Amino acid sequence: MDNPTTFLSWLQHELDSIGPEDFNDPVAEVDPSDIEIGVANDEAKKMYTLRDLCHRNADELMLSAKYERDKEKAICLCHKAGNYKTMANLWDGMLWQAIYKQYPEAVNKARVGIRKGFMVVASDKSAEPNDMLRQLFGGLFGGFSPG
């Protein structure tokens, strides 16, 4: 499929384009306080990799825009970077949904992460409700800060 015609077919095409040799392994080591849940499946590894690639592309475009002398080209680069950031957020959301589908018990943990070797870990340390609200809704209410 050279040119997917729908957004969903494009997403599938992107997932299919990532093989095990392309995976970006997380850099953070498993901490002794982490509770190991299990290893993420290949679908989640692909989403993790695509999220990282989108972030990297966005950062490179923003750097190029910063040093671009042609204002129109700089604006175009900024728009492209914004699109990559949006895609990174989309892949991130799908990644966590894939993790929660694979490991339903992770939904009930206060904090969940992915470590080296794609180990899904959790922490039972309770998060503050206000911190959780800020993380979930931080930018939605402008300067609103619960608590």
Protein backbone atom coordinates (compact mmCIF):
# COMPACT_ATOMS: atom_id res chain seq x y z
CA MET A 1 0.00 0.00 0.00
CA ASP A 2 1.97 2.99 -1.28
CA ASN A 3 -0.56 5.72 -0.63
CA PRO A 4 -3.17 4.92 2.03
CA THR A 5 -6.44 6.63 1.22
CA THR A 6 -7.92 6.99 4.70
CA PHE A 7 -6.49 8.12 8.01
CA LEU A 8 -7.04 4.72 9.62
CA SER A 9 -5.38 2.91 6.71
CA TRP A 10 -2.47 5.35 7.02
CA LEU A 11 -2.15 4.56 10.76
CA GLN A 12 -2.07 0.84 9.95
CA HIS A 13 0.48 1.48 7.20
CA GLU A 14 2.70 3.34 9.69
CA LEU A 15 2.44 0.49 12.21
CA ASP A 16 3.24 -2.07 9.51
CA SER A 17 6.31 -0.10 8.43
CA ILE A 18 8.01 -0.64 11.82
CA GLY A 19 9.81 -3.94 12.32
CA PRO A 20 11.55 -5.30 15.43
CA GLU A 21 14.88 -3.97 14.11
CA ASP A 22 13.39 -0.45 14.17
CA PHE A 23 12.18 -0.44 17.79
CA ASN A 24 13.42 2.46 19.95
CA ASP A 25 14.14 0.82 23.30
CA PRO A 26 13.31 3.02 26.30
CA VAL A 27 16.42 4.33 28.03
CA ALA A 28 15.20 4.32 31.65
CA GLU A 29 16.27 1.30 33.66
CA VAL A 30 13.84 -0.62 35.85
CA ASP A 31 14.07 0.91 39.32
CA PRO A 32 14.12 -1.34 42.40
CA SER A 33 10.92 0.37 43.57
CA ASP A 34 9.15 -0.41 40.25
CA ILE A 35 6.60 -3.21 40.16
CA GLU A 36 7.18 -5.18 36.95
CA ILE A 37 3.92 -5.93 35.16
CA GLY A 38 5.25 -7.51 31.96
CA VAL A 39 6.81 -6.80 28.58
CA ALA A 40 4.87 -4.66 26.11
CA ASN A 41 3.68 -6.48 22.98
CA ASP A 42 5.02 -5.65 19.50
CA GLU A 43 2.07 -3.39 18.72
CA ALA A 44 2.85 -1.21 21.74
CA LYS A 45 6.57 -1.25 20.86
CA LYS A 46 5.69 0.08 17.40
CA MET A 47 3.53 2.83 18.89
CA TYR A 48 6.30 3.77 21.33
CA THR A 49 8.76 3.95 18.43
CA LEU A 50 6.42 6.00 16.23
CA ARG A 51 5.75 8.40 19.10
CA ASP A 52 9.49 8.91 19.56
CA LEU A 53 10.06 9.37 15.84
CA CYS A 54 7.31 12.00 15.68
CA HIS A 55 8.80 13.87 18.65
CA ARG A 56 12.26 13.74 17.06
CA ASN A 57 10.95 14.98 13.69
CA ALA A 58 9.07 17.82 15.39
CA ASP A 59 12.15 18.87 17.34
CA GLU A 60 14.32 18.83 14.21
CA LEU A 61 11.77 20.91 12.28
CA MET A 62 11.51 23.44 15.11
CA LEU A 63 15.29 23.77 15.20
CA SER A 64 15.34 24.29 11.43
CA ALA A 65 12.58 26.90 11.74
CA LYS A 66 14.54 28.74 14.42
CA TYR A 67 17.46 29.27 12.05
CA GLU A 68 15.48 29.70 8.83
CA ARG A 69 15.91 33.21 7.44
CA ASP A 70 12.91 33.03 5.12
CA LYS A 71 9.89 33.84 7.30
CA GLU A 72 7.42 31.90 5.09
CA LYS A 73 9.60 28.78 5.17
CA ALA A 74 10.00 29.12 8.93
CA ILE A 75 6.22 29.32 9.38
CA CYS A 76 5.76 26.25 7.16
CA LEU A 77 8.35 24.35 9.22
CA CYS A 78 6.54 25.33 12.42
CA HIS A 79 3.24 24.02 11.04
CA LYS A 80 4.88 20.73 10.07
CA ALA A 81 6.44 20.48 13.53
CA GLY A 82 3.01 21.07 15.09
CA ASN A 83 1.58 18.26 12.99
CA TYR A 84 4.33 15.91 14.19
CA LYS A 85 3.66 16.90 17.82
CA THR A 86 -0.04 16.16 17.29
CA MET A 87 0.84 12.76 15.83
CA ALA A 88 3.21 12.07 18.74
CA ASN A 89 0.33 12.78 21.15
CA LEU A 90 -1.94 10.49 19.15
CA TRP A 91 0.60 7.65 19.20
CA ASP A 92 1.12 8.25 22.93
CA GLY A 93 -2.59 7.95 23.65
CA MET A 94 -2.89 4.80 21.57
CA LEU A 95 0.25 3.37 23.21
CA TRP A 96 -1.24 3.69 26.69
CA GLN A 97 -4.57 2.26 25.57
CA ALA A 98 -2.68 -0.71 24.07
CA ILE A 99 -0.77 -1.18 27.34
CA TYR A 100 -3.99 -1.06 29.38
CA LYS A 101 -5.65 -3.51 26.99
CA GLN A 102 -2.69 -5.90 27.31
CA TYR A 103 -2.41 -5.43 31.10
CA PRO A 104 -5.84 -4.42 32.47
CA GLU A 105 -4.47 -4.48 36.03
CA ALA A 106 -2.25 -1.49 35.13
CA VAL A 107 -5.31 0.77 34.92
CA ASN A 108 -5.67 0.64 38.71
CA LYS A 109 -2.06 1.62 39.41
CA ALA A 110 -1.21 5.18 40.39
CA ARG A 111 1.69 5.43 37.93
CA VAL A 112 2.58 3.27 34.94
CA GLY A 113 5.71 3.51 32.81
CA ILE A 114 7.83 1.70 30.24
CA ARG A 115 11.46 0.88 30.98
CA LYS A 116 14.42 -0.62 29.14
CA GLY A 117 13.47 -3.82 27.33
CA PHE A 118 9.91 -2.46 27.04
CA MET A 119 9.17 -3.60 30.58
CA VAL A 120 5.84 -2.16 31.71
CA VAL A 121 6.16 -1.09 35.32
CA ALA A 122 3.89 0.44 37.91
CA SER A 123 4.15 2.16 41.20
CA ASP A 124 1.70 1.81 44.04
CA LYS A 125 2.80 5.20 45.40
CA SER A 126 -0.40 7.16 45.51
CA ALA A 127 -0.55 10.24 43.37
CA GLU A 128 -2.12 13.39 44.71
CA PRO A 129 -5.60 13.92 43.20
CA ASN A 130 -4.74 17.54 42.30
CA ASP A 131 -1.59 16.39 40.50
CA MET A 132 -3.60 13.84 38.56
CA LEU A 133 -6.19 16.47 37.58
CA ARG A 134 -3.42 18.86 36.54
CA GLN A 135 -1.80 16.13 34.44
CA LEU A 136 -5.09 15.16 32.80
CA PHE A 137 -6.60 18.60 32.30
CA GLY A 138 -3.74 21.03 32.86
CA GLY A 139 -3.91 23.03 29.65
CA LEU A 140 -7.67 22.80 29.17
CA PHE A 141 -8.64 25.45 31.70
CA GLY A 142 -6.00 28.08 31.06
CA GLY A 143 -4.67 29.20 34.42
CA PHE A 144 -7.12 27.06 36.42
CA SER A 145 -5.36 25.03 39.05
CA PRO A 146 -7.41 22.66 41.20
CA GLY A 147 -6.52 23.10 44.82
